[in-house]
């Protein structure tokens, strides 16, 4: 899809042309009933993703998630997600599976190829919230068998820009005292937490 990409600040003319050709092919079929179920599936898939995003943002207590609708509740998003999926499979199970697979492919592709774009990631927020909940519910009076070493290492770190395999420049974190980090790793035996 990089072929359709436009430079920053420019109109994506190739992508617009491809969309126009795709729409023209759909219209050229001449039978609205053949196209309508596919469009319905993708609209329902879109509503499913929107409801799931609202549900995930609410569950993660994301700081930038502040819905203005007074009567918003996470159960509405859950109900919307479930109903959209149910309607998709009630209309046509085969087309619903194809739509879900297509959505999964697009999501995997965008997650794999958009690592340089910093727009926030719901999955990272999920990991953070799960780790936070586990740490908050941890029993401080742990048994000696469950003890893990937790070391605080004071070392100098710097951020450098390096060129990746694909030619894009990325920021990498470099530590000055790698021998100290190796020593800490040996002291812990690969277990526990190291705070830098």
N, C-alpha and C. Protein backbone atom coordinates (compact mmCIF):
# COMPACT_ATOMS: atom_id res chain seq x y z
N UNK A 1 0.80 -1.21 0.00
CA UNK A 1 0.00 0.00 0.00
C UNK A 1 0.84 1.27 0.00
N UNK A 2 2.17 1.12 0.12
CA UNK A 2 3.03 2.31 0.10
C UNK A 2 2.95 3.04 -1.25
N UNK A 3 2.57 2.29 -2.28
CA UNK A 3 2.44 2.88 -3.61
C UNK A 3 1.41 4.01 -3.60
N UNK A 4 0.36 3.87 -2.75
CA UNK A 4 -0.70 4.86 -2.69
C UNK A 4 -0.41 5.97 -1.69
N UNK A 5 0.69 5.86 -0.95
CA UNK A 5 1.01 6.85 0.08
C UNK A 5 1.35 8.20 -0.55
N UNK A 6 0.98 9.26 0.16
CA UNK A 6 1.27 10.62 -0.31
C UNK A 6 2.26 11.28 0.65
N UNK A 7 3.12 12.13 0.15
CA UNK A 7 4.04 12.86 1.04
C UNK A 7 3.25 13.73 2.02
N UNK A 8 3.84 14.06 3.18
CA UNK A 8 3.13 14.89 4.16
C UNK A 8 2.70 16.23 3.56
N UNK A 9 1.43 16.58 3.79
CA UNK A 9 0.89 17.85 3.30
C UNK A 9 0.35 17.80 1.88
N UNK A 10 0.48 16.64 1.22
CA UNK A 10 -0.01 16.50 -0.16
C UNK A 10 -1.27 15.66 -0.19
N UNK A 11 -2.08 15.86 -1.24
CA UNK A 11 -3.30 15.08 -1.41
C UNK A 11 -2.96 13.66 -1.87
N UNK A 12 -3.59 12.64 -1.29
CA UNK A 12 -3.34 11.26 -1.74
C UNK A 12 -4.10 10.95 -3.03
N UNK A 13 -3.60 11.46 -4.15
CA UNK A 13 -4.33 11.37 -5.42
C UNK A 13 -4.45 9.92 -5.89
N UNK A 14 -3.39 9.13 -5.75
CA UNK A 14 -3.45 7.74 -6.19
C UNK A 14 -4.47 6.94 -5.37
N UNK A 15 -4.52 7.19 -4.06
CA UNK A 15 -5.48 6.50 -3.20
C UNK A 15 -6.91 6.91 -3.57
N UNK A 16 -7.11 8.20 -3.88
CA UNK A 16 -8.43 8.67 -4.30
C UNK A 16 -8.84 8.04 -5.63
N UNK A 17 -7.88 7.93 -6.56
CA UNK A 17 -8.17 7.31 -7.85
C UNK A 17 -8.52 5.83 -7.67
N UNK A 18 -7.78 5.14 -6.80
CA UNK A 18 -8.06 3.72 -6.55
C UNK A 18 -9.43 3.54 -5.93
N UNK A 19 -9.80 4.43 -5.00
CA UNK A 19 -11.13 4.37 -4.39
C UNK A 19 -12.22 4.62 -5.42
N UNK A 20 -11.97 5.57 -6.32
CA UNK A 20 -12.94 5.85 -7.39
C UNK A 20 -13.13 4.66 -8.32
N UNK A 21 -12.02 3.99 -8.67
CA UNK A 21 -12.12 2.80 -9.54
C UNK A 21 -12.88 1.69 -8.83
N UNK A 22 -12.61 1.51 -7.53
CA UNK A 22 -13.31 0.48 -6.75
C UNK A 22 -14.81 0.77 -6.70
N UNK A 23 -15.18 2.01 -6.48
CA UNK A 23 -16.61 2.39 -6.45
C UNK A 23 -17.25 2.21 -7.82
N UNK A 24 -16.52 2.57 -8.88
CA UNK A 24 -17.05 2.42 -10.23
C UNK A 24 -17.30 0.95 -10.56
N UNK A 25 -16.39 0.07 -10.11
CA UNK A 25 -16.58 -1.38 -10.33
C UNK A 25 -17.81 -1.88 -9.59
N UNK A 26 -18.02 -1.38 -8.36
CA UNK A 26 -19.19 -1.80 -7.59
C UNK A 26 -20.48 -1.33 -8.26
N UNK A 27 -20.46 -0.11 -8.82
CA UNK A 27 -21.66 0.42 -9.50
C UNK A 27 -21.88 -0.31 -10.82
N UNK A 28 -20.78 -0.69 -11.50
CA UNK A 28 -20.89 -1.35 -12.80
C UNK A 28 -21.53 -2.72 -12.71
N UNK A 29 -21.61 -3.29 -11.52
CA UNK A 29 -22.27 -4.59 -11.36
C UNK A 29 -23.73 -4.47 -11.80
N UNK A 30 -24.35 -3.33 -11.51
CA UNK A 30 -25.71 -3.08 -11.97
C UNK A 30 -26.79 -3.70 -11.11
N UNK A 31 -26.42 -4.38 -10.08
CA UNK A 31 -27.39 -5.03 -9.19
C UNK A 31 -27.12 -4.56 -7.77
N UNK A 32 -27.95 -3.68 -7.26
CA UNK A 32 -27.76 -3.10 -5.93
C UNK A 32 -27.85 -4.16 -4.84
N UNK A 33 -28.71 -5.17 -5.05
CA UNK A 33 -28.87 -6.21 -4.05
C UNK A 33 -27.60 -7.06 -3.89
N UNK A 34 -26.74 -7.08 -4.90
CA UNK A 34 -25.49 -7.84 -4.79
C UNK A 34 -24.45 -7.09 -3.96
N UNK A 35 -24.52 -5.75 -3.99
CA UNK A 35 -23.53 -4.93 -3.28
C UNK A 35 -23.99 -4.59 -1.87
N UNK A 36 -25.30 -4.47 -1.68
CA UNK A 36 -25.84 -4.01 -0.39
C UNK A 36 -25.44 -4.87 0.80
N UNK A 37 -25.47 -6.23 0.71
CA UNK A 37 -25.06 -7.02 1.88
C UNK A 37 -23.60 -6.81 2.27
N UNK A 38 -22.74 -6.63 1.26
CA UNK A 38 -21.31 -6.41 1.55
C UNK A 38 -21.12 -5.07 2.25
N UNK A 39 -21.80 -4.03 1.73
CA UNK A 39 -21.71 -2.72 2.36
C UNK A 39 -22.27 -2.75 3.78
N UNK A 40 -23.36 -3.47 3.96
CA UNK A 40 -23.96 -3.59 5.30
C UNK A 40 -22.99 -4.25 6.27
N UNK A 41 -22.30 -5.30 5.81
CA UNK A 41 -21.33 -6.00 6.66
C UNK A 41 -20.22 -5.05 7.11
N UNK A 42 -19.71 -4.27 6.17
CA UNK A 42 -18.60 -3.38 6.52
C UNK A 42 -19.06 -2.20 7.37
N UNK A 43 -20.28 -1.73 7.17
CA UNK A 43 -20.81 -0.69 8.07
C UNK A 43 -20.97 -1.25 9.48
N UNK A 44 -21.52 -2.46 9.59
CA UNK A 44 -21.67 -3.08 10.92
C UNK A 44 -20.31 -3.35 11.54
N UNK A 45 -19.32 -3.73 10.72
CA UNK A 45 -17.96 -3.94 11.24
C UNK A 45 -17.39 -2.63 11.76
N UNK A 46 -17.67 -1.54 11.04
CA UNK A 46 -17.22 -0.21 11.47
C UNK A 46 -17.85 0.16 12.81
N UNK A 47 -19.17 -0.05 12.95
CA UNK A 47 -19.86 0.26 14.21
C UNK A 47 -19.36 -0.64 15.34
N UNK A 48 -19.03 -1.90 15.00
CA UNK A 48 -18.48 -2.82 16.01
C UNK A 48 -17.16 -2.30 16.54
N UNK A 49 -16.29 -1.85 15.63
CA UNK A 49 -14.98 -1.34 16.05
C UNK A 49 -15.11 -0.05 16.87
N UNK A 50 -16.04 0.81 16.49
CA UNK A 50 -16.25 2.06 17.26
C UNK A 50 -16.73 1.74 18.67
N UNK A 51 -17.73 0.84 18.77
CA UNK A 51 -18.24 0.45 20.09
C UNK A 51 -17.17 -0.25 20.93
N UNK A 52 -16.38 -1.13 20.28
CA UNK A 52 -15.31 -1.83 21.00
C UNK A 52 -14.25 -0.85 21.48
N UNK A 53 -13.94 0.17 20.66
CA UNK A 53 -12.96 1.19 21.08
C UNK A 53 -13.46 1.96 22.29
N UNK A 54 -14.74 2.33 22.28
CA UNK A 54 -15.32 3.03 23.44
C UNK A 54 -15.29 2.15 24.68
N UNK A 55 -15.61 0.87 24.49
CA UNK A 55 -15.61 -0.07 25.61
C UNK A 55 -14.21 -0.24 26.19
N UNK A 56 -13.22 -0.40 25.31
CA UNK A 56 -11.83 -0.58 25.77
C UNK A 56 -11.33 0.68 26.47
N UNK A 57 -11.62 1.85 25.88
CA UNK A 57 -11.17 3.11 26.50
C UNK A 57 -11.80 3.30 27.88
N UNK A 58 -13.06 2.92 28.02
CA UNK A 58 -13.74 3.03 29.32
C UNK A 58 -13.16 2.04 30.32
N UNK A 59 -12.88 0.81 29.85
CA UNK A 59 -12.34 -0.22 30.75
C UNK A 59 -10.93 0.13 31.21
N UNK A 60 -10.15 0.76 30.33
CA UNK A 60 -8.77 1.12 30.67
C UNK A 60 -8.68 2.41 31.48
N UNK A 61 -9.80 3.12 31.59
CA UNK A 61 -9.82 4.42 32.26
C UNK A 61 -8.77 5.34 31.63
N UNK A 62 -8.78 5.37 30.32
CA UNK A 62 -7.83 6.17 29.56
C UNK A 62 -8.00 7.64 29.91
N UNK A 63 -6.91 8.36 30.23
CA UNK A 63 -7.06 9.77 30.64
C UNK A 63 -7.62 10.67 29.54
N UNK A 64 -7.37 10.34 28.26
CA UNK A 64 -7.89 11.20 27.20
C UNK A 64 -9.27 10.76 26.74
N UNK A 65 -9.88 9.79 27.41
CA UNK A 65 -11.25 9.35 27.09
C UNK A 65 -12.21 10.08 28.01
N UNK A 66 -12.85 11.13 27.46
CA UNK A 66 -13.79 11.94 28.25
C UNK A 66 -15.05 12.16 27.42
N UNK A 67 -15.95 11.19 27.39
CA UNK A 67 -17.18 11.37 26.59
C UNK A 67 -18.05 12.47 27.15
N UNK A 68 -18.59 13.31 26.27
CA UNK A 68 -19.42 14.43 26.71
C UNK A 68 -20.88 14.04 26.87
N UNK A 69 -21.27 12.91 26.31
CA UNK A 69 -22.66 12.47 26.41
C UNK A 69 -22.96 12.11 27.86
N UNK A 70 -23.95 12.75 28.45
CA UNK A 70 -24.22 12.61 29.89
C UNK A 70 -24.59 11.19 30.29
N UNK A 71 -25.30 10.48 29.42
CA UNK A 71 -25.84 9.17 29.78
C UNK A 71 -24.96 8.03 29.28
N UNK A 72 -23.70 8.34 28.97
CA UNK A 72 -22.81 7.28 28.48
C UNK A 72 -22.48 6.30 29.61
N UNK A 73 -22.51 5.01 29.25
CA UNK A 73 -22.11 3.95 30.18
C UNK A 73 -21.45 2.85 29.36
N UNK A 74 -20.51 2.15 29.97
CA UNK A 74 -19.78 1.13 29.22
C UNK A 74 -20.68 -0.01 28.75
N UNK A 75 -21.80 -0.23 29.43
CA UNK A 75 -22.70 -1.30 29.02
C UNK A 75 -23.35 -1.01 27.66
N UNK A 76 -23.54 0.29 27.34
CA UNK A 76 -24.10 0.65 26.04
C UNK A 76 -23.13 0.25 24.92
N UNK A 77 -21.83 0.50 25.14
CA UNK A 77 -20.82 0.11 24.15
C UNK A 77 -20.74 -1.40 24.01
N UNK A 78 -20.81 -2.11 25.13
CA UNK A 78 -20.78 -3.57 25.10
C UNK A 78 -21.99 -4.12 24.35
N UNK A 79 -23.16 -3.56 24.64
CA UNK A 79 -24.38 -3.99 23.97
C UNK A 79 -24.32 -3.70 22.47
N UNK A 80 -23.79 -2.53 22.10
CA UNK A 80 -23.65 -2.18 20.69
C UNK A 80 -22.71 -3.12 19.96
N UNK A 81 -21.59 -3.48 20.60
CA UNK A 81 -20.64 -4.41 19.99
C UNK A 81 -21.27 -5.77 19.77
N UNK A 82 -21.93 -6.29 20.81
CA UNK A 82 -22.55 -7.62 20.72
C UNK A 82 -23.66 -7.63 19.67
N UNK A 83 -24.50 -6.58 19.65
CA UNK A 83 -25.60 -6.53 18.69
C UNK A 83 -25.11 -6.44 17.25
N UNK A 84 -24.06 -5.66 17.01
CA UNK A 84 -23.52 -5.54 15.65
C UNK A 84 -22.99 -6.89 15.17
N UNK A 85 -22.23 -7.57 16.03
CA UNK A 85 -21.70 -8.89 15.64
C UNK A 85 -22.85 -9.88 15.42
N UNK A 86 -23.86 -9.84 16.29
CA UNK A 86 -25.00 -10.75 16.15
C UNK A 86 -25.74 -10.50 14.84
N UNK A 87 -25.95 -9.21 14.49
CA UNK A 87 -26.65 -8.88 13.25
C UNK A 87 -25.86 -9.33 12.02
N UNK A 88 -24.53 -9.20 12.09
CA UNK A 88 -23.70 -9.63 10.97
C UNK A 88 -23.88 -11.12 10.71
N UNK A 89 -23.80 -11.92 11.76
CA UNK A 89 -23.91 -13.37 11.60
C UNK A 89 -25.36 -13.80 11.34
N UNK A 90 -26.32 -13.02 11.80
CA UNK A 90 -27.73 -13.36 11.53
C UNK A 90 -28.06 -13.14 10.06
N UNK A 91 -27.44 -12.13 9.42
CA UNK A 91 -27.72 -11.86 8.01
C UNK A 91 -27.05 -12.87 7.09
N UNK A 92 -25.74 -13.06 7.28
CA UNK A 92 -25.00 -14.00 6.43
C UNK A 92 -23.70 -14.36 7.15
N UNK A 93 -23.62 -15.59 7.62
CA UNK A 93 -22.47 -16.01 8.43
C UNK A 93 -21.18 -16.01 7.62
N UNK A 94 -21.25 -16.44 6.36
CA UNK A 94 -20.04 -16.52 5.52
C UNK A 94 -19.48 -15.12 5.27
N UNK A 95 -20.35 -14.19 4.87
CA UNK A 95 -19.89 -12.82 4.61
C UNK A 95 -19.43 -12.15 5.91
N UNK A 96 -20.04 -12.50 7.03
CA UNK A 96 -19.61 -11.95 8.32
C UNK A 96 -18.20 -12.42 8.66
N UNK A 97 -17.91 -13.70 8.44
CA UNK A 97 -16.57 -14.23 8.70
C UNK A 97 -15.54 -13.56 7.80
N UNK A 98 -15.92 -13.36 6.52
CA UNK A 98 -15.00 -12.68 5.58
C UNK A 98 -14.74 -11.25 6.04
N UNK A 99 -15.78 -10.55 6.49
CA UNK A 99 -15.61 -9.17 6.96
C UNK A 99 -14.74 -9.10 8.19
N UNK A 100 -14.92 -10.05 9.13
CA UNK A 100 -14.11 -10.08 10.35
C UNK A 100 -12.65 -10.38 10.01
N UNK A 101 -12.43 -11.35 9.09
CA UNK A 101 -11.06 -11.67 8.67
C UNK A 101 -10.40 -10.49 7.97
N UNK A 102 -11.16 -9.80 7.10
CA UNK A 102 -10.63 -8.63 6.41
C UNK A 102 -10.25 -7.54 7.40
N UNK A 103 -11.12 -7.30 8.38
CA UNK A 103 -10.84 -6.30 9.42
C UNK A 103 -9.60 -6.68 10.21
N UNK A 104 -9.47 -7.97 10.54
CA UNK A 104 -8.29 -8.44 11.28
C UNK A 104 -7.01 -8.26 10.48
N UNK A 105 -7.08 -8.52 9.16
CA UNK A 105 -5.90 -8.35 8.30
C UNK A 105 -5.49 -6.88 8.24
N UNK A 106 -6.48 -5.99 8.06
CA UNK A 106 -6.19 -4.54 8.00
C UNK A 106 -5.61 -4.07 9.33
N UNK A 107 -6.17 -4.55 10.44
CA UNK A 107 -5.68 -4.14 11.76
C UNK A 107 -4.25 -4.64 12.00
N UNK A 108 -3.98 -5.89 11.62
CA UNK A 108 -2.63 -6.44 11.78
C UNK A 108 -1.64 -5.68 10.90
N UNK A 109 -2.04 -5.42 9.66
CA UNK A 109 -1.16 -4.70 8.74
C UNK A 109 -0.84 -3.30 9.25
N UNK A 110 -1.88 -2.58 9.71
CA UNK A 110 -1.65 -1.22 10.20
C UNK A 110 -0.83 -1.21 11.49
N UNK A 111 -1.04 -2.20 12.37
CA UNK A 111 -0.25 -2.27 13.61
C UNK A 111 1.21 -2.59 13.30
N UNK A 112 1.44 -3.42 12.29
CA UNK A 112 2.81 -3.81 11.94
C UNK A 112 3.56 -2.70 11.22
N UNK A 113 2.85 -1.93 10.40
CA UNK A 113 3.52 -0.93 9.55
C UNK A 113 3.42 0.50 10.06
N UNK A 114 2.78 0.71 11.21
CA UNK A 114 2.64 2.09 11.69
C UNK A 114 3.41 2.31 12.98
N UNK A 115 4.53 1.57 13.16
CA UNK A 115 5.30 1.71 14.39
C UNK A 115 5.96 3.07 14.53
N UNK A 116 6.20 3.74 13.40
CA UNK A 116 6.84 5.05 13.47
C UNK A 116 5.85 6.16 13.83
N UNK A 117 4.55 5.89 13.69
CA UNK A 117 3.52 6.91 13.98
C UNK A 117 3.14 6.81 15.44
N UNK A 118 3.20 7.93 16.16
CA UNK A 118 2.90 7.94 17.59
C UNK A 118 1.49 8.47 17.82
N UNK A 119 0.47 7.62 17.62
CA UNK A 119 -0.90 8.07 17.84
C UNK A 119 -1.55 7.37 19.02
N UNK A 120 -0.79 6.60 19.77
CA UNK A 120 -1.34 5.92 20.93
C UNK A 120 -1.89 4.56 20.55
N UNK A 121 -1.78 3.64 21.46
CA UNK A 121 -2.17 2.26 21.18
C UNK A 121 -3.01 1.73 22.33
N UNK A 122 -4.20 1.24 22.00
CA UNK A 122 -5.09 0.71 23.03
C UNK A 122 -4.53 -0.52 23.71
N UNK A 123 -3.77 -1.33 22.95
CA UNK A 123 -3.20 -2.55 23.53
C UNK A 123 -2.12 -2.22 24.56
N UNK A 124 -1.34 -1.16 24.30
CA UNK A 124 -0.35 -0.74 25.30
C UNK A 124 -1.04 -0.27 26.57
N UNK A 125 -2.14 0.45 26.39
CA UNK A 125 -2.92 0.89 27.55
C UNK A 125 -3.49 -0.29 28.32
N UNK A 126 -3.91 -1.34 27.57
CA UNK A 126 -4.42 -2.55 28.23
C UNK A 126 -3.34 -3.21 29.07
N UNK A 127 -2.14 -3.34 28.50
CA UNK A 127 -1.02 -3.95 29.23
C UNK A 127 -0.69 -3.15 30.49
N UNK A 128 -0.69 -1.81 30.33
CA UNK A 128 -0.38 -0.95 31.47
C UNK A 128 -1.42 -1.13 32.57
N UNK A 129 -2.72 -1.15 32.18
CA UNK A 129 -3.78 -1.25 33.18
C UNK A 129 -3.75 -2.61 33.89
N UNK A 130 -3.48 -3.67 33.13
CA UNK A 130 -3.39 -5.01 33.74
C UNK A 130 -2.22 -5.05 34.71
N UNK A 131 -1.05 -4.52 34.30
CA UNK A 131 0.12 -4.51 35.18
C UNK A 131 -0.16 -3.67 36.44
N UNK A 132 -0.84 -2.53 36.25
CA UNK A 132 -1.16 -1.67 37.39
C UNK A 132 -2.10 -2.38 38.37
N UNK A 133 -3.14 -3.03 37.83
CA UNK A 133 -4.08 -3.74 38.70
C UNK A 133 -3.41 -4.87 39.47
N UNK A 134 -2.51 -5.59 38.80
CA UNK A 134 -1.80 -6.69 39.46
C UNK A 134 -0.90 -6.16 40.58
N UNK A 135 -0.19 -5.06 40.29
CA UNK A 135 0.71 -4.49 41.31
C UNK A 135 -0.08 -3.92 42.49
N UNK A 136 -1.24 -3.32 42.21
CA UNK A 136 -2.04 -2.74 43.29
C UNK A 136 -2.63 -3.81 44.20
N UNK A 137 -2.91 -5.00 43.65
CA UNK A 137 -3.52 -6.07 44.43
C UNK A 137 -2.49 -7.06 44.97
N UNK A 138 -1.21 -6.72 44.84
CA UNK A 138 -0.17 -7.62 45.29
C UNK A 138 -0.12 -7.68 46.82
N UNK A 139 0.13 -8.87 47.33
CA UNK A 139 0.25 -9.05 48.77
C UNK A 139 1.66 -8.66 49.20
N UNK A 140 1.77 -7.64 50.06
CA UNK A 140 3.09 -7.16 50.47
C UNK A 140 3.79 -8.19 51.35
N UNK A 141 3.02 -8.89 52.17
CA UNK A 141 3.61 -9.90 53.05
C UNK A 141 3.71 -11.22 52.31
N UNK A 142 4.54 -11.25 51.25
CA UNK A 142 4.68 -12.46 50.43
C UNK A 142 5.55 -13.49 51.14
N UNK A 143 5.31 -14.74 50.82
CA UNK A 143 6.11 -15.83 51.37
C UNK A 143 7.50 -15.79 50.76
N UNK A 144 8.49 -16.31 51.49
CA UNK A 144 9.87 -16.28 50.99
C UNK A 144 10.03 -17.05 49.69
N UNK A 145 9.19 -18.06 49.47
CA UNK A 145 9.29 -18.82 48.22
C UNK A 145 8.88 -17.97 47.02
N UNK A 146 8.01 -16.98 47.26
CA UNK A 146 7.53 -16.13 46.16
C UNK A 146 8.33 -14.84 46.00
N UNK A 147 9.37 -14.66 46.82
CA UNK A 147 10.13 -13.42 46.78
C UNK A 147 10.92 -13.31 45.49
N UNK A 148 10.95 -12.12 44.91
CA UNK A 148 11.75 -11.83 43.72
C UNK A 148 12.56 -10.58 43.98
N UNK A 149 13.82 -10.57 43.60
CA UNK A 149 14.65 -9.37 43.84
C UNK A 149 14.19 -8.20 42.96
N UNK A 150 14.20 -7.01 43.56
CA UNK A 150 13.87 -5.79 42.83
C UNK A 150 14.98 -4.79 43.07
N UNK A 151 15.74 -4.50 42.03
CA UNK A 151 16.92 -3.66 42.15
C UNK A 151 16.73 -2.33 41.44
N UNK A 152 17.25 -1.27 42.05
CA UNK A 152 17.26 0.05 41.45
C UNK A 152 18.67 0.30 40.95
N UNK A 153 18.82 0.51 39.65
CA UNK A 153 20.13 0.72 39.04
C UNK A 153 20.20 2.16 38.56
N UNK A 154 21.20 2.88 39.02
CA UNK A 154 21.39 4.27 38.61
C UNK A 154 22.49 4.28 37.54
N UNK A 155 22.11 4.61 36.32
CA UNK A 155 23.06 4.65 35.21
C UNK A 155 22.64 5.74 34.24
N UNK A 156 23.58 6.17 33.42
CA UNK A 156 23.29 7.22 32.45
C UNK A 156 22.72 6.60 31.18
N UNK A 157 21.67 7.20 30.67
CA UNK A 157 21.05 6.73 29.44
C UNK A 157 20.93 7.89 28.46
N UNK A 158 21.00 7.56 27.19
CA UNK A 158 20.88 8.59 26.15
C UNK A 158 20.02 8.05 25.02
N UNK A 159 19.37 8.97 24.32
CA UNK A 159 18.53 8.60 23.18
C UNK A 159 19.27 9.00 21.92
N UNK A 160 19.45 8.02 21.02
CA UNK A 160 20.13 8.28 19.76
C UNK A 160 19.22 7.89 18.60
N UNK A 161 19.42 8.59 17.50
CA UNK A 161 18.68 8.23 16.29
C UNK A 161 19.54 7.31 15.45
N UNK A 162 18.94 6.17 15.07
CA UNK A 162 19.65 5.19 14.24
C UNK A 162 18.78 4.82 13.07
N UNK A 163 19.43 4.42 11.98
CA UNK A 163 18.71 4.02 10.79
C UNK A 163 18.38 2.54 10.87
N UNK A 164 17.10 2.21 10.67
CA UNK A 164 16.65 0.83 10.73
C UNK A 164 16.91 0.08 9.44
N UNK A 165 16.49 -1.18 9.40
CA UNK A 165 16.70 -2.01 8.21
C UNK A 165 15.91 -1.51 7.02
N UNK A 166 14.76 -0.87 7.29
CA UNK A 166 13.93 -0.37 6.20
C UNK A 166 14.30 1.04 5.76
N UNK A 167 15.38 1.58 6.33
CA UNK A 167 15.86 2.90 5.94
C UNK A 167 15.27 4.04 6.74
N UNK A 168 14.30 3.78 7.60
CA UNK A 168 13.69 4.83 8.42
C UNK A 168 14.53 5.06 9.67
N UNK A 169 14.56 6.32 10.11
CA UNK A 169 15.33 6.67 11.31
C UNK A 169 14.43 6.51 12.53
N UNK A 170 14.97 5.83 13.55
CA UNK A 170 14.21 5.58 14.78
C UNK A 170 15.07 5.96 15.98
N UNK A 171 14.38 6.30 17.07
CA UNK A 171 15.09 6.63 18.30
C UNK A 171 15.33 5.36 19.10
N UNK A 172 16.58 5.17 19.53
CA UNK A 172 16.97 4.00 20.32
C UNK A 172 17.53 4.49 21.65
N UNK A 173 17.22 3.75 22.72
CA UNK A 173 17.71 4.08 24.05
C UNK A 173 19.01 3.33 24.29
N UNK A 174 20.08 4.07 24.65
CA UNK A 174 21.39 3.47 24.89
C UNK A 174 21.81 3.72 26.33
N UNK A 175 22.33 2.67 26.98
CA UNK A 175 22.83 2.77 28.36
C UNK A 175 24.35 2.77 28.34
N UNK A 176 24.91 3.59 29.24
CA UNK A 176 26.37 3.74 29.26
C UNK A 176 27.05 2.53 29.93
N UNK A 177 26.49 2.09 31.04
CA UNK A 177 27.13 1.02 31.82
C UNK A 177 26.45 -0.32 31.57
N UNK A 178 26.75 -0.91 30.41
CA UNK A 178 26.14 -2.20 30.10
C UNK A 178 26.68 -3.31 30.99
N UNK A 179 27.94 -3.16 31.46
CA UNK A 179 28.51 -4.18 32.36
C UNK A 179 27.75 -4.21 33.68
N UNK A 180 27.34 -3.03 34.16
CA UNK A 180 26.57 -2.95 35.40
C UNK A 180 25.21 -3.65 35.23
N UNK A 181 24.59 -3.46 34.07
CA UNK A 181 23.32 -4.12 33.81
C UNK A 181 23.49 -5.63 33.73
N UNK A 182 24.59 -6.08 33.14
CA UNK A 182 24.87 -7.52 33.10
C UNK A 182 25.07 -8.09 34.49
N UNK A 183 25.76 -7.33 35.37
CA UNK A 183 25.98 -7.77 36.75
C UNK A 183 24.65 -7.88 37.50
N UNK A 184 23.78 -6.86 37.30
CA UNK A 184 22.47 -6.88 37.96
C UNK A 184 21.64 -8.07 37.48
N UNK A 185 21.72 -8.35 36.17
CA UNK A 185 20.99 -9.49 35.63
C UNK A 185 21.49 -10.80 36.23
N UNK A 186 22.80 -10.92 36.45
CA UNK A 186 23.36 -12.13 37.07
C UNK A 186 22.96 -12.23 38.54
N UNK A 187 22.92 -11.08 39.24
CA UNK A 187 22.52 -11.10 40.65
C UNK A 187 21.08 -11.58 40.80
N UNK A 188 20.23 -11.16 39.87
CA UNK A 188 18.82 -11.54 39.94
C UNK A 188 18.57 -12.93 39.41
N UNK A 189 19.48 -13.46 38.62
CA UNK A 189 19.26 -14.76 38.00
C UNK A 189 18.14 -14.72 36.97
N UNK A 190 17.95 -13.56 36.32
CA UNK A 190 16.90 -13.43 35.30
C UNK A 190 15.50 -13.29 35.89
N UNK A 191 15.39 -13.09 37.20
CA UNK A 191 14.07 -12.97 37.83
C UNK A 191 13.96 -11.60 38.49
N UNK A 192 12.74 -11.24 38.80
CA UNK A 192 12.52 -9.97 39.50
C UNK A 192 12.44 -8.79 38.56
N UNK A 193 12.50 -7.59 39.14
CA UNK A 193 12.32 -6.36 38.40
C UNK A 193 13.56 -5.50 38.57
N UNK A 194 14.02 -4.93 37.46
CA UNK A 194 15.11 -3.96 37.50
C UNK A 194 14.56 -2.61 37.09
N UNK A 195 14.74 -1.61 37.95
CA UNK A 195 14.28 -0.25 37.67
C UNK A 195 15.49 0.58 37.31
N UNK A 196 15.45 1.21 36.13
CA UNK A 196 16.59 2.01 35.67
C UNK A 196 16.26 3.48 35.79
